[in-house]
C-alpha atoms as a PDB file:
ATOM      1  CA  MET A   1      -9.076  50.941 127.473  1.00  0.00           C
ATOM      2  CA  ALA A   2     -11.010  54.270 128.347  1.00  0.00           C
ATOM      3  CA  THR A   3      -7.944  56.614 128.270  1.00  0.00           C
ATOM      4  CA  HIS A   4      -7.490  55.087 124.836  1.00  0.00           C
ATOM      5  CA  LYS A   5     -10.728  56.539 123.900  1.00  0.00           C
ATOM      6  CA  MET A   6     -10.494  59.638 125.198  1.00  0.00           C
ATOM      7  CA  CYS A   7      -7.404  60.127 123.098  1.00  0.00           C
ATOM      8  CA  VAL A   8     -10.185  59.464 119.711  1.00  0.00           C
ATOM      9  CA  ILE A   9     -12.044  61.707 121.448  1.00  0.00           C
ATOM     10  CA  LEU A  10      -9.568  64.408 121.981  1.00  0.00           C
ATOM     11  CA  GLY A  11      -7.914  64.244 118.882  1.00  0.00           C
ATOM     12  CA  LEU A  12     -11.251  64.434 117.056  1.00  0.00           C
ATOM     13  CA  VAL A  13     -12.010  67.571 119.140  1.00  0.00           C
ATOM     14  CA  ALA A  14      -8.984  69.217 118.201  1.00  0.00           C
ATOM     15  CA  LEU A  15      -9.544  68.048 114.451  1.00  0.00           C
ATOM     16  CA  ALA A  16     -12.920  69.439 114.438  1.00  0.00           C
ATOM     17  CA  HIS A  17     -11.379  73.068 116.227  1.00  0.00           C
ATOM     18  CA  ALA A  18      -8.712  73.035 113.642  1.00  0.00           C
ATOM     19  CA  ALA A  19     -10.943  73.100 110.978  1.00  0.00           C
ATOM     20  CA  TYR A  20     -13.113  75.269 112.223  1.00  0.00           C
ATOM     21  CA  SER A  21     -10.386  77.880 112.830  1.00  0.00           C
ATOM     22  CA  ALA A  22      -9.093  77.891 109.453  1.00  0.00           C
ATOM     23  CA  ALA A  23     -12.768  78.353 108.124  1.00  0.00           C
ATOM     24  CA  GLN A  24     -12.871  81.576 110.209  1.00  0.00           C
ATOM     25  CA  HIS A  25      -9.076  82.466 109.260  1.00  0.00           C
ATOM     26  CA  ARG A  26     -10.372  82.204 105.850  1.00  0.00           C
ATOM     27  CA  THR A  27     -12.982  84.387 106.327  1.00  0.00           C
ATOM     28  CA  TYR A  28     -10.885  87.092 108.035  1.00  0.00           C
ATOM     29  CA  LEU A  29      -8.802  87.278 104.797  1.00  0.00           C
ATOM     30  CA  ARG A  30     -11.697  87.541 102.671  1.00  0.00           C
ATOM     31  CA  LEU A  31     -12.946  90.396 104.599  1.00  0.00           C
ATOM     32  CA  THR A  32      -9.702  92.552 104.701  1.00  0.00           C
ATOM     33  CA  GLU A  33      -9.014  91.273 101.259  1.00  0.00           C
ATOM     34  CA  GLN A  34      -5.993  89.666 101.664  1.00  0.00           C
ATOM     35  CA  ASP A  35      -4.865  86.607  99.902  1.00  0.00           C
ATOM     36  CA  PHE A  36      -4.605  83.257 101.134  1.00  0.00           C
ATOM     37  CA  SER A  37      -0.831  82.167 100.986  1.00  0.00           C
ATOM     38  CA  MET A  38      -1.146  79.270 104.275  1.00  0.00           C
ATOM     39  CA  LEU A  39      -2.067  78.725 107.623  1.00  0.00           C
ATOM     40  CA  PRO A  40      -1.166  79.945 110.453  1.00  0.00           C
ATOM     41  CA  HIS A  41       1.253  77.850 112.421  1.00  0.00           C
ATOM     42  CA  ASP A  42      -0.789  77.099 115.441  1.00  0.00           C
ATOM     43  CA  ILE A  43      -3.910  76.218 113.045  1.00  0.00           C
ATOM     44  CA  PHE A  44      -1.458  73.758 111.486  1.00  0.00           C
ATOM     45  CA  LEU A  45       0.345  72.348 114.406  1.00  0.00           C
ATOM     46  CA  GLN A  46      -2.887  71.953 115.970  1.00  0.00           C
ATOM     47  CA  CYS A  47      -4.510  69.970 112.945  1.00  0.00           C
ATOM     48  CA  ILE A  48      -1.253  67.453 113.354  1.00  0.00           C
ATOM     49  CA  PHE A  49      -1.686  67.328 116.972  1.00  0.00           C
ATOM     50  CA  GLY A  50      -5.261  66.189 116.597  1.00  0.00           C
ATOM     51  CA  LEU A  51      -4.378  63.765 113.737  1.00  0.00           C
ATOM     52  CA  LEU A  52      -1.267  62.059 115.934  1.00  0.00           C
ATOM     53  CA  LEU A  53      -3.763  61.889 118.465  1.00  0.00           C
ATOM     54  CA  THR A  54      -6.426  60.211 117.028  1.00  0.00           C
ATOM     55  CA  CYS A  55      -3.821  57.778 115.203  1.00  0.00           C
ATOM     56  CA  TYR A  56      -2.728  56.437 118.126  1.00  0.00           C
ATOM     57  CA  GLY A  57      -5.985  56.214 119.946  1.00  0.00           C
ATOM     58  CA  VAL A  58      -7.577  54.175 117.384  1.00  0.00           C
ATOM     59  CA  VAL A  59      -4.797  51.964 116.933  1.00  0.00           C
ATOM     60  CA  ASN A  60      -5.051  50.976 120.663  1.00  0.00           C
ATOM     61  CA  VAL A  61      -8.500  50.969 120.968  1.00  0.00           C
ATOM     62  CA  ALA A  62      -8.681  47.866 118.371  1.00  0.00           C
ATOM     63  CA  GLY A  63      -6.615  45.959 120.840  1.00  0.00           C
ATOM     64  CA  ASN A  64      -4.141  43.468 120.631  1.00  0.00           C
ATOM     65  CA  PHE A  65      -3.366  42.317 116.467  1.00  0.00           C
ATOM     66  CA  LYS A  66      -3.547  38.619 115.957  1.00  0.00           C
ATOM     67  CA  GLU A  67      -0.966  36.946 113.816  1.00  0.00           C
ATOM     68  CA  ILE A  68      -2.703  36.083 110.114  1.00  0.00           C
ATOM     69  CA  LYS A  69      -1.349  31.981 109.116  1.00  0.00           C
ATOM     70  CA  ALA A  70      -2.483  30.945 105.858  1.00  0.00           C
ATOM     71  CA  SER A  71      -1.790  27.496 107.369  1.00  0.00           C
ATOM     72  CA  ALA A  72      -3.912  27.936 110.238  1.00  0.00           C
ATOM     73  CA  GLU A  73      -6.537  24.732 109.450  1.00  0.00           C
ATOM     74  CA  GLN A  74      -3.564  22.421 108.815  1.00  0.00           C
ATOM     75  CA  ASP A  75      -2.004  22.995 111.794  1.00  0.00           C
ATOM     76  CA  THR A  76      -4.532  20.403 113.438  1.00  0.00           C
ATOM     77  CA  LYS A  77      -3.900  17.833 110.812  1.00  0.00           C
ATOM     78  CA  THR A  78      -1.155  14.887 110.177  1.00  0.00           C
ATOM     79  CA  TRP A  79       1.466  14.709 107.198  1.00  0.00           C
ATOM     80  CA  GLU A  80      -0.442  11.908 106.398  1.00  0.00           C
ATOM     81  CA  MET A  81      -3.533  14.015 105.860  1.00  0.00           C
ATOM     82  CA  LEU A  82      -1.982  16.945 104.175  1.00  0.00           C
ATOM     83  CA  SER A  83      -1.769  15.142 100.853  1.00  0.00           C
ATOM     84  CA  ASN A  84      -5.736  13.806 101.134  1.00  0.00           C
ATOM     85  CA  ARG A  85      -8.179  15.790  99.669  1.00  0.00           C
ATOM     86  CA  GLN A  86     -11.109  15.078 101.597  1.00  0.00           C
ATOM     87  CA  GLY A  87     -13.383  17.535  99.788  1.00  0.00           C
ATOM     88  CA  PHE A  88     -13.379  15.466  96.979  1.00  0.00           C
ATOM     89  CA  ASN A  89     -14.663  12.479  98.536  1.00  0.00           C
ATOM     90  CA  ILE A  90     -17.498  11.436  96.610  1.00  0.00           C
ATOM     91  CA  PHE A  91     -19.109   8.333  98.221  1.00  0.00           C
ATOM     92  CA  HIS A  92     -22.613   8.278  96.759  1.00  0.00           C
ATOM     93  CA  HIS A  93     -22.307   7.921  92.679  1.00  0.00           C
ATOM     94  CA  ARG A  94     -23.164   5.756  89.680  1.00  0.00           C
ATOM     95  CA  GLY A  95     -20.088   2.527  90.485  1.00  0.00           C
ATOM     96  CA  LYS A  96     -21.920   1.672  93.096  1.00  0.00           C
ATOM     97  CA  ALA A  97     -24.893   0.440  90.855  1.00  0.00           C
ATOM     98  CA  LEU A  98     -22.451  -0.765  88.540  1.00  0.00           C
ATOM     99  CA  PHE A  99     -20.174  -3.114  91.092  1.00  0.00           C
ATOM    100  CA  ASN A 100     -22.890  -4.416  93.200  1.00  0.00           C
ATOM    101  CA  GLU A 101     -22.317  -7.572  94.882  1.00  0.00           C
ATOM    102  CA  THR A 102     -26.141  -8.901  95.072  1.00  0.00           C
END
């Protein structure tokens, strides 16, 4: 678990360094009055490496994923109970007063 957290931290540091390097490269191009065509390969590779390292760490820090089951609450019910809609049973209603046996 600690190694995955270190992957996240190192990946974020690599991404921050790549962003800083890209900003420095852009400033250098402005000072030398050159046109911006693309980033140097080392900055681009550092950005990709940081992104992949961060993604790997984040996925593994989350832990083991559990299966999502739509029928999870029906696993404990019997076959006879599945057709019975217990949420709609009302036992305190006015019909009790109409059919009072007293």
